[in-house]
Amino acid sequence: VREASAKGAKLVALPECFNSPYGTQYFK
């Protein structure tokens, strides 16, 4: 995010499930 901001981005988006693996076994 910091890298993107340094390159002039004003709106930055992260992906679905960026802080954990994707799967029903991981959600809880």
PDB file of all heavy atoms in Angstrom:
ATOM      1  N   VAL A   1       0.848  -1.199   0.000  1.00  0.00           N
ATOM      2  CA  VAL A   1       0.000   0.000   0.000  1.00  0.00           C
ATOM      3  C   VAL A   1       0.884   1.249   0.000  1.00  0.00           C
ATOM      4  O   VAL A   1       0.638   2.203  -0.754  1.00  0.00           O
ATOM      5  CB  VAL A   1      -0.947   0.003   1.215  1.00  0.00           C
ATOM      6  CG1 VAL A   1      -1.629   1.366   1.362  1.00  0.00           C
ATOM      7  CG2 VAL A   1      -2.000  -1.092   1.075  1.00  0.00           C
ATOM      8  N   ARG A   2       1.913   1.250   0.817  1.00  0.00           N
ATOM      9  CA  ARG A   2       2.835   2.397   0.856  1.00  0.00           C
ATOM     10  C   ARG A   2       3.519   2.577  -0.496  1.00  0.00           C
ATOM     11  O   ARG A   2       3.698   3.711  -0.967  1.00  0.00           O
ATOM     12  CB  ARG A   2       3.864   2.197   1.962  1.00  0.00           C
ATOM     13  CG  ARG A   2       3.287   2.220   3.378  1.00  0.00           C
ATOM     14  CD  ARG A   2       4.378   2.132   4.429  1.00  0.00           C
ATOM     15  NE  ARG A   2       3.808   2.112   5.775  1.00  0.00           N
ATOM     16  CZ  ARG A   2       3.588   1.005   6.482  1.00  0.00           C
ATOM     17  NH1 ARG A   2       3.911  -0.193   5.962  1.00  0.00           N
ATOM     18  NH2 ARG A   2       3.057   1.065   7.688  1.00  0.00           N
ATOM     19  N   GLU A   3       3.906   1.479  -1.118  1.00  0.00           N
ATOM     20  CA  GLU A   3       4.543   1.537  -2.433  1.00  0.00           C
ATOM     21  C   GLU A   3       3.595   2.139  -3.470  1.00  0.00           C
ATOM     22  O   GLU A   3       4.000   2.988  -4.282  1.00  0.00           O
ATOM     23  CB  GLU A   3       4.960   0.131  -2.863  1.00  0.00           C
ATOM     24  CG  GLU A   3       5.547   0.042  -4.262  1.00  0.00           C
ATOM     25  CD  GLU A   3       5.805  -1.389  -4.676  1.00  0.00           C
ATOM     26  OE1 GLU A   3       6.414  -2.139  -3.888  1.00  0.00           O
ATOM     27  OE2 GLU A   3       5.390  -1.775  -5.798  1.00  0.00           O
ATOM     28  N   ALA A   4       2.341   1.727  -3.431  1.00  0.00           N
ATOM     29  CA  ALA A   4       1.358   2.240  -4.379  1.00  0.00           C
ATOM     30  C   ALA A   4       1.122   3.730  -4.168  1.00  0.00           C
ATOM     31  O   ALA A   4       1.013   4.506  -5.126  1.00  0.00           O
ATOM     32  CB  ALA A   4       0.045   1.471  -4.234  1.00  0.00           C
ATOM     33  N   SER A   5       1.058   4.147  -2.922  1.00  0.00           N
ATOM     34  CA  SER A   5       0.870   5.562  -2.613  1.00  0.00           C
ATOM     35  C   SER A   5       2.046   6.391  -3.120  1.00  0.00           C
ATOM     36  O   SER A   5       1.864   7.476  -3.685  1.00  0.00           O
ATOM     37  CB  SER A   5       0.711   5.749  -1.105  1.00  0.00           C
ATOM     38  OG  SER A   5       0.699   7.118  -0.759  1.00  0.00           O
ATOM     39  N   ALA A   6       3.254   5.864  -2.941  1.00  0.00           N
ATOM     40  CA  ALA A   6       4.448   6.575  -3.403  1.00  0.00           C
ATOM     41  C   ALA A   6       4.458   6.751  -4.912  1.00  0.00           C
ATOM     42  O   ALA A   6       5.095   7.673  -5.437  1.00  0.00           O
ATOM     43  CB  ALA A   6       5.702   5.830  -2.951  1.00  0.00           C
ATOM     44  N   LYS A   7       3.737   5.883  -5.630  1.00  0.00           N
ATOM     45  CA  LYS A   7       3.663   5.972  -7.089  1.00  0.00           C
ATOM     46  C   LYS A   7       2.428   6.726  -7.565  1.00  0.00           C
ATOM     47  O   LYS A   7       2.049   6.652  -8.727  1.00  0.00           O
ATOM     48  CB  LYS A   7       3.703   4.570  -7.687  1.00  0.00           C
ATOM     49  CG  LYS A   7       5.059   3.887  -7.489  1.00  0.00           C
ATOM     50  CD  LYS A   7       5.133   2.542  -8.196  1.00  0.00           C
ATOM     51  CE  LYS A   7       6.511   1.912  -8.036  1.00  0.00           C
ATOM     52  NZ  LYS A   7       6.608   0.602  -8.733  1.00  0.00           N
ATOM     53  N   GLY A   8       1.778   7.429  -6.638  1.00  0.00           N
ATOM     54  CA  GLY A   8       0.713   8.342  -7.023  1.00  0.00           C
ATOM     55  C   GLY A   8      -0.700   7.822  -6.931  1.00  0.00           C
ATOM     56  O   GLY A   8      -1.639   8.524  -7.327  1.00  0.00           O
ATOM     57  N   ALA A   9      -0.894   6.618  -6.422  1.00  0.00           N
ATOM     58  CA  ALA A   9      -2.248   6.082  -6.310  1.00  0.00           C
ATOM     59  C   ALA A   9      -3.029   6.816  -5.230  1.00  0.00           C
ATOM     60  O   ALA A   9      -2.529   7.027  -4.126  1.00  0.00           O
ATOM     61  CB  ALA A   9      -2.204   4.591  -6.000  1.00  0.00           C
ATOM     62  N   LYS A  10      -4.254   7.203  -5.547  1.00  0.00           N
ATOM     63  CA  LYS A  10      -5.131   7.876  -4.591  1.00  0.00           C
ATOM     64  C   LYS A  10      -6.177   6.933  -4.008  1.00  0.00           C
ATOM     65  O   LYS A  10      -6.747   7.193  -2.955  1.00  0.00           O
ATOM     66  CB  LYS A  10      -5.838   9.053  -5.272  1.00  0.00           C
ATOM     67  CG  LYS A  10      -4.884  10.094  -5.828  1.00  0.00           C
ATOM     68  CD  LYS A  10      -4.021  10.714  -4.738  1.00  0.00           C
ATOM     69  CE  LYS A  10      -3.138  11.831  -5.292  1.00  0.00           C
ATOM     70  NZ  LYS A  10      -2.234  12.384  -4.251  1.00  0.00           N
ATOM     71  N   LEU A  11      -6.451   5.856  -4.738  1.00  0.00           N
ATOM     72  CA  LEU A  11      -7.399   4.829  -4.304  1.00  0.00           C
ATOM     73  C   LEU A  11      -6.700   3.486  -4.469  1.00  0.00           C
ATOM     74  O   LEU A  11      -6.246   3.148  -5.571  1.00  0.00           O
ATOM     75  CB  LEU A  11      -8.664   4.896  -5.159  1.00  0.00           C
ATOM     76  CG  LEU A  11      -9.807   3.931  -4.833  1.00  0.00           C
ATOM     77  CD1 LEU A  11     -10.314   4.144  -3.420  1.00  0.00           C
ATOM     78  CD2 LEU A  11     -10.951   4.114  -5.819  1.00  0.00           C
ATOM     79  N   VAL A  12      -6.572   2.734  -3.381  1.00  0.00           N
ATOM     80  CA  VAL A  12      -5.824   1.477  -3.379  1.00  0.00           C
ATOM     81  C   VAL A  12      -6.739   0.373  -2.874  1.00  0.00           C
ATOM     82  O   VAL A  12      -7.462   0.561  -1.885  1.00  0.00           O
ATOM     83  CB  VAL A  12      -4.570   1.578  -2.485  1.00  0.00           C
ATOM     84  CG1 VAL A  12      -3.798   0.264  -2.493  1.00  0.00           C
ATOM     85  CG2 VAL A  12      -3.671   2.720  -2.947  1.00  0.00           C
ATOM     86  N   ALA A  13      -6.713  -0.778  -3.542  1.00  0.00           N
ATOM     87  CA  ALA A  13      -7.587  -1.885  -3.160  1.00  0.00           C
ATOM     88  C   ALA A  13      -6.780  -3.154  -2.918  1.00  0.00           C
ATOM     89  O   ALA A  13      -5.863  -3.481  -3.685  1.00  0.00           O
ATOM     90  CB  ALA A  13      -8.634  -2.144  -4.235  1.00  0.00           C
ATOM     91  N   LEU A  14      -7.130  -3.867  -1.868  1.00  0.00           N
ATOM     92  CA  LEU A  14      -6.567  -5.170  -1.538  1.00  0.00           C
ATOM     93  C   LEU A  14      -7.548  -6.260  -1.945  1.00  0.00           C
ATOM     94  O   LEU A  14      -8.745  -6.006  -2.088  1.00  0.00           O
ATOM     95  CB  LEU A  14      -6.281  -5.254  -0.032  1.00  0.00           C
ATOM     96  CG  LEU A  14      -5.126  -4.378   0.472  1.00  0.00           C
ATOM     97  CD1 LEU A  14      -5.219  -4.195   1.981  1.00  0.00           C
ATOM     98  CD2 LEU A  14      -3.782  -4.995   0.100  1.00  0.00           C
ATOM     99  N   PRO A  15      -7.065  -7.492  -2.114  1.00  0.00           N
ATOM    100  CA  PRO A  15      -7.945  -8.558  -2.619  1.00  0.00           C
ATOM    101  C   PRO A  15      -8.869  -9.132  -1.561  1.00  0.00           C
ATOM    102  O   PRO A  15      -8.710  -8.898  -0.361  1.00  0.00           O
ATOM    103  CB  PRO A  15      -6.950  -9.622  -3.079  1.00  0.00           C
ATOM    104  CG  PRO A  15      -5.771  -9.428  -2.194  1.00  0.00           C
ATOM    105  CD  PRO A  15      -5.669  -7.941  -1.974  1.00  0.00           C
ATOM    106  N   GLU A  16      -9.842  -9.903  -2.034  1.00  0.00           N
ATOM    107  CA  GLU A  16     -10.658 -10.707  -1.131  1.00  0.00           C
ATOM    108  C   GLU A  16      -9.742 -11.638  -0.358  1.00  0.00           C
ATOM    109  O   GLU A  16      -8.807 -12.217  -0.904  1.00  0.00           O
ATOM    110  CB  GLU A  16     -11.684 -11.525  -1.917  1.00  0.00           C
ATOM    111  CG  GLU A  16     -12.593 -12.361  -1.016  1.00  0.00           C
ATOM    112  CD  GLU A  16     -13.592 -13.204  -1.793  1.00  0.00           C
ATOM    113  OE1 GLU A  16     -13.318 -13.560  -2.942  1.00  0.00           O
ATOM    114  OE2 GLU A  16     -14.639 -13.519  -1.222  1.00  0.00           O
ATOM    115  N   CYS A  17     -10.014 -11.756   0.937  1.00  0.00           N
ATOM    116  CA  CYS A  17      -9.287 -12.705   1.785  1.00  0.00           C
ATOM    117  C   CYS A  17      -7.784 -12.412   1.790  1.00  0.00           C
ATOM    118  O   CYS A  17      -6.972 -13.297   1.552  1.00  0.00           O
ATOM    119  CB  CYS A  17      -9.544 -14.129   1.294  1.00  0.00           C
ATOM    120  SG  CYS A  17      -9.552 -15.346   2.617  1.00  0.00           S
ATOM    121  N   PHE A  18      -7.413 -11.154   2.060  1.00  0.00           N
ATOM    122  CA  PHE A  18      -6.001 -10.803   1.990  1.00  0.00           C
ATOM    123  C   PHE A  18      -5.235 -11.165   3.247  1.00  0.00           C
ATOM    124  O   PHE A  18      -4.007 -11.265   3.222  1.00  0.00           O
ATOM    125  CB  PHE A  18      -5.819  -9.308   1.674  1.00  0.00           C
ATOM    126  CG  PHE A  18      -5.825  -8.409   2.885  1.00  0.00           C
ATOM    127  CD1 PHE A  18      -4.664  -8.188   3.608  1.00  0.00           C
ATOM    128  CD2 PHE A  18      -6.987  -7.781   3.301  1.00  0.00           C
ATOM    129  CE1 PHE A  18      -4.660  -7.358   4.729  1.00  0.00           C
ATOM    130  CE2 PHE A  18      -6.995  -6.962   4.413  1.00  0.00           C
ATOM    131  CZ  PHE A  18      -5.827  -6.754   5.129  1.00  0.00           C
ATOM    132  N   ASN A  19      -5.922 -11.353   4.385  1.00  0.00           N
ATOM    133  CA  ASN A  19      -5.174 -11.609   5.618  1.00  0.00           C
ATOM    134  C   ASN A  19      -5.243 -13.068   6.066  1.00  0.00           C
ATOM    135  O   ASN A  19      -4.704 -13.427   7.104  1.00  0.00           O
ATOM    136  CB  ASN A  19      -5.670 -10.695   6.742  1.00  0.00           C
ATOM    137  CG  ASN A  19      -6.970 -11.161   7.384  1.00  0.00           C
ATOM    138  OD1 ASN A  19      -7.743 -11.876   6.757  1.00  0.00           O
ATOM    139  ND2 ASN A  19      -7.200 -10.757   8.611  1.00  0.00           N
ATOM    140  N   SER A  20      -5.901 -13.915   5.268  1.00  0.00           N
ATOM    141  CA  SER A  20      -6.009 -15.328   5.629  1.00  0.00           C
ATOM    142  C   SER A  20      -6.205 -16.166   4.376  1.00  0.00           C
ATOM    143  O   SER A  20      -6.656 -15.652   3.348  1.00  0.00           O
ATOM    144  CB  SER A  20      -7.199 -15.552   6.572  1.00  0.00           C
ATOM    145  OG  SER A  20      -8.424 -15.434   5.874  1.00  0.00           O
ATOM    146  N   PRO A  21      -5.887 -17.446   4.446  1.00  0.00           N
ATOM    147  CA  PRO A  21      -6.219 -18.325   3.310  1.00  0.00           C
ATOM    148  C   PRO A  21      -7.727 -18.338   3.095  1.00  0.00           C
ATOM    149  O   PRO A  21      -8.508 -18.099   4.023  1.00  0.00           O
ATOM    150  CB  PRO A  21      -5.708 -19.699   3.768  1.00  0.00           C
ATOM    151  CG  PRO A  21      -4.738 -19.421   4.866  1.00  0.00           C
ATOM    152  CD  PRO A  21      -5.228 -18.180   5.541  1.00  0.00           C
ATOM    153  N   TYR A  22      -8.152 -18.618   1.858  1.00  0.00           N
ATOM    154  CA  TYR A  22      -9.572 -18.669   1.545  1.00  0.00           C
ATOM    155  C   TYR A  22     -10.063 -20.103   1.681  1.00  0.00           C
ATOM    156  O   TYR A  22      -9.511 -21.027   1.081  1.00  0.00           O
ATOM    157  CB  TYR A  22      -9.815 -18.165   0.119  1.00  0.00           C
ATOM    158  CG  TYR A  22     -11.276 -18.129  -0.258  1.00  0.00           C
ATOM    159  CD1 TYR A  22     -12.101 -17.123   0.229  1.00  0.00           C
ATOM    160  CD2 TYR A  22     -11.833 -19.098  -1.084  1.00  0.00           C
ATOM    161  CE1 TYR A  22     -13.441 -17.078  -0.109  1.00  0.00           C
ATOM    162  CE2 TYR A  22     -13.176 -19.064  -1.425  1.00  0.00           C
ATOM    163  CZ  TYR A  22     -13.970 -18.050  -0.932  1.00  0.00           C
ATOM    164  OH  TYR A  22     -15.304 -18.023  -1.255  1.00  0.00           O
ATOM    165  N   GLY A  23     -11.114 -20.281   2.469  1.00  0.00           N
ATOM    166  CA  GLY A  23     -11.694 -21.607   2.661  1.00  0.00           C
ATOM    167  C   GLY A  23     -12.570 -21.619   3.886  1.00  0.00           C
ATOM    168  O   GLY A  23     -12.285 -20.932   4.878  1.00  0.00           O
ATOM    169  N   THR A  24     -13.647 -22.393   3.831  1.00  0.00           N
ATOM    170  CA  THR A  24     -14.580 -22.416   4.962  1.00  0.00           C
ATOM    171  C   THR A  24     -13.909 -22.883   6.246  1.00  0.00           C
ATOM    172  O   THR A  24     -14.313 -22.506   7.339  1.00  0.00           O
ATOM    173  CB  THR A  24     -15.783 -23.324   4.650  1.00  0.00           C
ATOM    174  OG1 THR A  24     -15.298 -24.626   4.267  1.00  0.00           O
ATOM    175  CG2 THR A  24     -16.616 -22.759   3.501  1.00  0.00           C
ATOM    176  N   GLN A  25     -12.851 -23.698   6.119  1.00  0.00           N
ATOM    177  CA  GLN A  25     -12.160 -24.198   7.299  1.00  0.00           C
ATOM    178  C   GLN A  25     -11.323 -23.125   7.988  1.00  0.00           C
ATOM    179  O   GLN A  25     -10.881 -23.310   9.135  1.00  0.00           O
ATOM    180  CB  GLN A  25     -11.272 -25.400   6.930  1.00  0.00           C
ATOM    181  CG  GLN A  25     -10.039 -25.088   6.079  1.00  0.00           C
ATOM    182  CD  GLN A  25     -10.309 -25.122   4.586  1.00  0.00           C
ATOM    183  OE1 GLN A  25     -11.404 -24.783   4.138  1.00  0.00           O
ATOM    184  NE2 GLN A  25      -9.323 -25.553   3.815  1.00  0.00           N
ATOM    185  N   TYR A  26     -11.089 -22.005   7.306  1.00  0.00           N
ATOM    186  CA  TYR A  26     -10.251 -20.944   7.878  1.00  0.00           C
ATOM    187  C   TYR A  26     -11.048 -19.788   8.470  1.00  0.00           C
ATOM    188  O   TYR A  26     -10.511 -19.022   9.284  1.00  0.00           O
ATOM    189  CB  TYR A  26      -9.323 -20.361   6.793  1.00  0.00           C
ATOM    190  CG  TYR A  26      -8.385 -21.363   6.178  1.00  0.00           C
ATOM    191  CD1 TYR A  26      -8.539 -21.754   4.852  1.00  0.00           C
ATOM    192  CD2 TYR A  26      -7.344 -21.933   6.911  1.00  0.00           C
ATOM    193  CE1 TYR A  26      -7.683 -22.670   4.262  1.00  0.00           C
ATOM    194  CE2 TYR A  26      -6.481 -22.847   6.334  1.00  0.00           C
ATOM    195  CZ  TYR A  26      -6.655 -23.215   5.009  1.00  0.00           C
ATOM    196  OH  TYR A  26      -5.814 -24.123   4.434  1.00  0.00           O
ATOM    197  N   PHE A  27     -12.304 -19.627   8.068  1.00  0.00           N
ATOM    198  CA  PHE A  27     -13.041 -18.412   8.402  1.00  0.00           C
ATOM    199  C   PHE A  27     -13.154 -18.174   9.909  1.00  0.00           C
ATOM    200  O   PHE A  27     -12.908 -17.070  10.394  1.00  0.00           O
ATOM    201  CB  PHE A  27     -14.437 -18.438   7.769  1.00  0.00           C
ATOM    202  CG  PHE A  27     -14.422 -18.408   6.264  1.00  0.00           C
ATOM    203  CD1 PHE A  27     -15.464 -18.970   5.536  1.00  0.00           C
ATOM    204  CD2 PHE A  27     -13.379 -17.823   5.567  1.00  0.00           C
ATOM    205  CE1 PHE A  27     -15.470 -18.941   4.150  1.00  0.00           C
ATOM    206  CE2 PHE A  27     -13.367 -17.791   4.172  1.00  0.00           C
ATOM    207  CZ  PHE A  27     -14.415 -18.354   3.465  1.00  0.00           C
ATOM    208  N   LYS A  28     -13.514 -19.197  10.663  1.00  0.00           N
ATOM    209  CA  LYS A  28     -13.690 -19.014  12.103  1.00  0.00           C
ATOM    210  C   LYS A  28     -12.359 -18.740  12.786  1.00  0.00           C
ATOM    211  O   LYS A  28     -12.250 -17.871  13.661  1.00  0.00           O
ATOM    212  CB  LYS A  28     -14.360 -20.244  12.712  1.00  0.00           C
ATOM    213  CG  LYS A  28     -14.722 -20.072  14.180  1.00  0.00           C
ATOM    214  CD  LYS A  28     -15.506 -21.265  14.721  1.00  0.00           C
ATOM    215  CE  LYS A  28     -15.907 -21.041  16.172  1.00  0.00           C
ATOM    216  NZ  LYS A  28     -16.692 -22.202  16.701  1.00  0.00           N
TER     217      LYS A  28
END
